């Protein structure tokens, strides 16, 4: 137990020290690629698909109200869709709060 704690305390700062410069220098090509990937996931097509899936979860929840296992799965899928939809807002809020 103590040995693993000492490894964590030693390796975590070392990992952070080596990973920080890698994220600080990003080539322009990677930035445009990341922006195009972001536009795919936040575009109107994906939003429409997520709204359809959320509506399908609501219908499935209504029809499978007595089936507890199915109800758990539907609620989990609905929460996951909500997190995906809110992800862009959450990242923008954190980015603007950090001064980026």
C-alpha atoms as a PDB file:
ATOM      1  CA  UNK A   1       0.000   0.000   0.000  1.00  0.00           C
ATOM      2  CA  UNK A   2       2.714   2.453   0.989  1.00  0.00           C
ATOM      3  CA  UNK A   3       4.829   1.476  -2.005  1.00  0.00           C
ATOM      4  CA  UNK A   4       2.040   2.254  -4.478  1.00  0.00           C
ATOM      5  CA  UNK A   5       1.336   5.586  -2.766  1.00  0.00           C
ATOM      6  CA  UNK A   6       4.971   6.612  -3.112  1.00  0.00           C
ATOM      7  CA  UNK A   7       4.896   5.651  -6.799  1.00  0.00           C
ATOM      8  CA  UNK A   8       1.813   7.809  -7.345  1.00  0.00           C
ATOM      9  CA  UNK A   9       3.334  10.753  -5.501  1.00  0.00           C
ATOM     10  CA  UNK A  10       6.524  10.478  -7.562  1.00  0.00           C
ATOM     11  CA  UNK A  11       5.085   9.646 -10.967  1.00  0.00           C
ATOM     12  CA  UNK A  12       2.169  12.100 -11.028  1.00  0.00           C
ATOM     13  CA  UNK A  13       4.302  15.285 -10.966  1.00  0.00           C
ATOM     14  CA  UNK A  14       6.717  13.678 -13.415  1.00  0.00           C
ATOM     15  CA  UNK A  15       3.865  12.855 -15.802  1.00  0.00           C
ATOM     16  CA  UNK A  16       2.442  16.358 -15.527  1.00  0.00           C
ATOM     17  CA  UNK A  17       5.839  17.923 -16.157  1.00  0.00           C
ATOM     18  CA  UNK A  18       6.386  15.910 -19.325  1.00  0.00           C
ATOM     19  CA  UNK A  19       2.818  16.198 -20.671  1.00  0.00           C
ATOM     20  CA  UNK A  20       2.434  19.972 -20.317  1.00  0.00           C
ATOM     21  CA  UNK A  21       4.914  20.995 -23.071  1.00  0.00           C
ATOM     22  CA  UNK A  22       3.338  18.487 -25.460  1.00  0.00           C
ATOM     23  CA  UNK A  23      -0.044  20.225 -25.186  1.00  0.00           C
ATOM     24  CA  UNK A  24       1.430  23.730 -25.302  1.00  0.00           C
ATOM     25  CA  UNK A  25       2.846  23.317 -28.835  1.00  0.00           C
ATOM     26  CA  UNK A  26       0.147  22.324 -31.323  1.00  0.00           C
ATOM     27  CA  UNK A  27       0.813  22.594 -35.073  1.00  0.00           C
ATOM     28  CA  UNK A  28      -1.639  24.601 -37.175  1.00  0.00           C
ATOM     29  CA  UNK A  29      -2.673  21.506 -39.111  1.00  0.00           C
ATOM     30  CA  UNK A  30      -3.744  19.752 -35.924  1.00  0.00           C
ATOM     31  CA  UNK A  31      -5.775  22.783 -34.833  1.00  0.00           C
ATOM     32  CA  UNK A  32      -7.721  22.883 -38.088  1.00  0.00           C
ATOM     33  CA  UNK A  33      -8.211  19.106 -37.950  1.00  0.00           C
ATOM     34  CA  UNK A  34      -9.503  19.343 -34.383  1.00  0.00           C
ATOM     35  CA  UNK A  35     -11.868  22.158 -35.398  1.00  0.00           C
ATOM     36  CA  UNK A  36     -13.246  20.096 -38.292  1.00  0.00           C
ATOM     37  CA  UNK A  37     -13.776  17.084 -36.002  1.00  0.00           C
ATOM     38  CA  UNK A  38     -15.519  19.334 -33.471  1.00  0.00           C
ATOM     39  CA  UNK A  39     -17.782  20.731 -36.176  1.00  0.00           C
ATOM     40  CA  UNK A  40     -18.825  17.186 -37.114  1.00  0.00           C
ATOM     41  CA  UNK A  41     -19.881  16.352 -33.551  1.00  0.00           C
ATOM     42  CA  UNK A  42     -21.573  19.685 -32.859  1.00  0.00           C
ATOM     43  CA  UNK A  43     -23.212  20.098 -36.259  1.00  0.00           C
ATOM     44  CA  UNK A  44     -26.927  20.097 -36.971  1.00  0.00           C
ATOM     45  CA  UNK A  45     -26.991  16.483 -38.221  1.00  0.00           C
ATOM     46  CA  UNK A  46     -25.616  15.052 -34.966  1.00  0.00           C
ATOM     47  CA  UNK A  47     -27.907  17.279 -32.896  1.00  0.00           C
ATOM     48  CA  UNK A  48     -30.900  16.040 -34.892  1.00  0.00           C
ATOM     49  CA  UNK A  49     -29.846  12.421 -34.388  1.00  0.00           C
ATOM     50  CA  UNK A  50     -29.463  12.982 -30.625  1.00  0.00           C
ATOM     51  CA  UNK A  51     -32.904  14.588 -30.387  1.00  0.00           C
ATOM     52  CA  UNK A  52     -34.417  11.619 -32.236  1.00  0.00           C
ATOM     53  CA  UNK A  53     -32.636   9.193 -29.897  1.00  0.00           C
ATOM     54  CA  UNK A  54     -33.820  11.143 -26.851  1.00  0.00           C
ATOM     55  CA  UNK A  55     -37.402  11.025 -28.127  1.00  0.00           C
ATOM     56  CA  UNK A  56     -37.011   7.299 -28.768  1.00  0.00           C
ATOM     57  CA  UNK A  57     -35.814   6.868 -25.165  1.00  0.00           C
ATOM     58  CA  UNK A  58     -38.933   8.655 -23.946  1.00  0.00           C
ATOM     59  CA  UNK A  59     -41.182   6.387 -26.037  1.00  0.00           C
ATOM     60  CA  UNK A  60     -39.321   3.257 -24.910  1.00  0.00           C
ATOM     61  CA  UNK A  61     -39.569   4.390 -21.293  1.00  0.00           C
ATOM     62  CA  UNK A  62     -43.322   4.826 -21.661  1.00  0.00           C
ATOM     63  CA  UNK A  63     -43.830   1.393 -23.190  1.00  0.00           C
ATOM     64  CA  UNK A  64     -41.449  -0.476 -20.834  1.00  0.00           C
ATOM     65  CA  UNK A  65     -42.440   1.132 -17.571  1.00  0.00           C
ATOM     66  CA  UNK A  66     -42.877  -2.208 -15.789  1.00  0.00           C
ATOM     67  CA  UNK A  67     -39.593  -3.708 -17.004  1.00  0.00           C
ATOM     68  CA  UNK A  68     -37.018  -2.532 -14.431  1.00  0.00           C
ATOM     69  CA  UNK A  69     -33.940  -3.664 -16.378  1.00  0.00           C
ATOM     70  CA  UNK A  70     -35.080  -1.894 -19.527  1.00  0.00           C
ATOM     71  CA  UNK A  71     -36.034   1.193 -17.524  1.00  0.00           C
ATOM     72  CA  UNK A  72     -32.490   1.412 -16.081  1.00  0.00           C
ATOM     73  CA  UNK A  73     -30.969   1.124 -19.560  1.00  0.00           C
ATOM     74  CA  UNK A  74     -33.270   3.770 -21.012  1.00  0.00           C
ATOM     75  CA  UNK A  75     -32.544   6.216 -18.193  1.00  0.00           C
ATOM     76  CA  UNK A  76     -28.789   5.620 -18.600  1.00  0.00           C
ATOM     77  CA  UNK A  77     -29.008   6.272 -22.349  1.00  0.00           C
ATOM     78  CA  UNK A  78     -31.070   9.425 -21.748  1.00  0.00           C
ATOM     79  CA  UNK A  79     -28.528  10.753 -19.248  1.00  0.00           C
ATOM     80  CA  UNK A  80     -25.683   9.978 -21.658  1.00  0.00           C
ATOM     81  CA  UNK A  81     -27.454  11.885 -24.435  1.00  0.00           C
ATOM     82  CA  UNK A  82     -27.961  14.823 -22.075  1.00  0.00           C
ATOM     83  CA  UNK A  83     -24.261  14.866 -21.205  1.00  0.00           C
ATOM     84  CA  UNK A  84     -23.301  14.717 -24.884  1.00  0.00           C
ATOM     85  CA  UNK A  85     -25.618  17.610 -25.726  1.00  0.00           C
ATOM     86  CA  UNK A  86     -24.345  19.675 -22.784  1.00  0.00           C
ATOM     87  CA  UNK A  87     -20.663  18.869 -23.410  1.00  0.00           C
ATOM     88  CA  UNK A  88     -20.062  21.798 -25.737  1.00  0.00           C
ATOM     89  CA  UNK A  89     -21.624  24.245 -23.270  1.00  0.00           C
ATOM     90  CA  UNK A  90     -19.639  22.787 -20.363  1.00  0.00           C
ATOM     91  CA  UNK A  91     -16.319  22.974 -22.228  1.00  0.00           C
ATOM     92  CA  UNK A  92     -17.040  26.547 -23.402  1.00  0.00           C
ATOM     93  CA  UNK A  93     -17.883  27.596 -19.829  1.00  0.00           C
ATOM     94  CA  UNK A  94     -14.703  26.051 -18.432  1.00  0.00           C
ATOM     95  CA  UNK A  95     -12.599  27.491 -21.272  1.00  0.00           C
ATOM     96  CA  UNK A  96     -13.942  31.010 -20.791  1.00  0.00           C
ATOM     97  CA  UNK A  97     -13.562  30.759 -16.996  1.00  0.00           C
ATOM     98  CA  UNK A  98      -9.925  29.735 -17.466  1.00  0.00           C
ATOM     99  CA  UNK A  99      -9.315  32.753 -19.681  1.00  0.00           C
ATOM    100  CA  UNK A 100      -8.784  30.802 -22.889  1.00  0.00           C
END
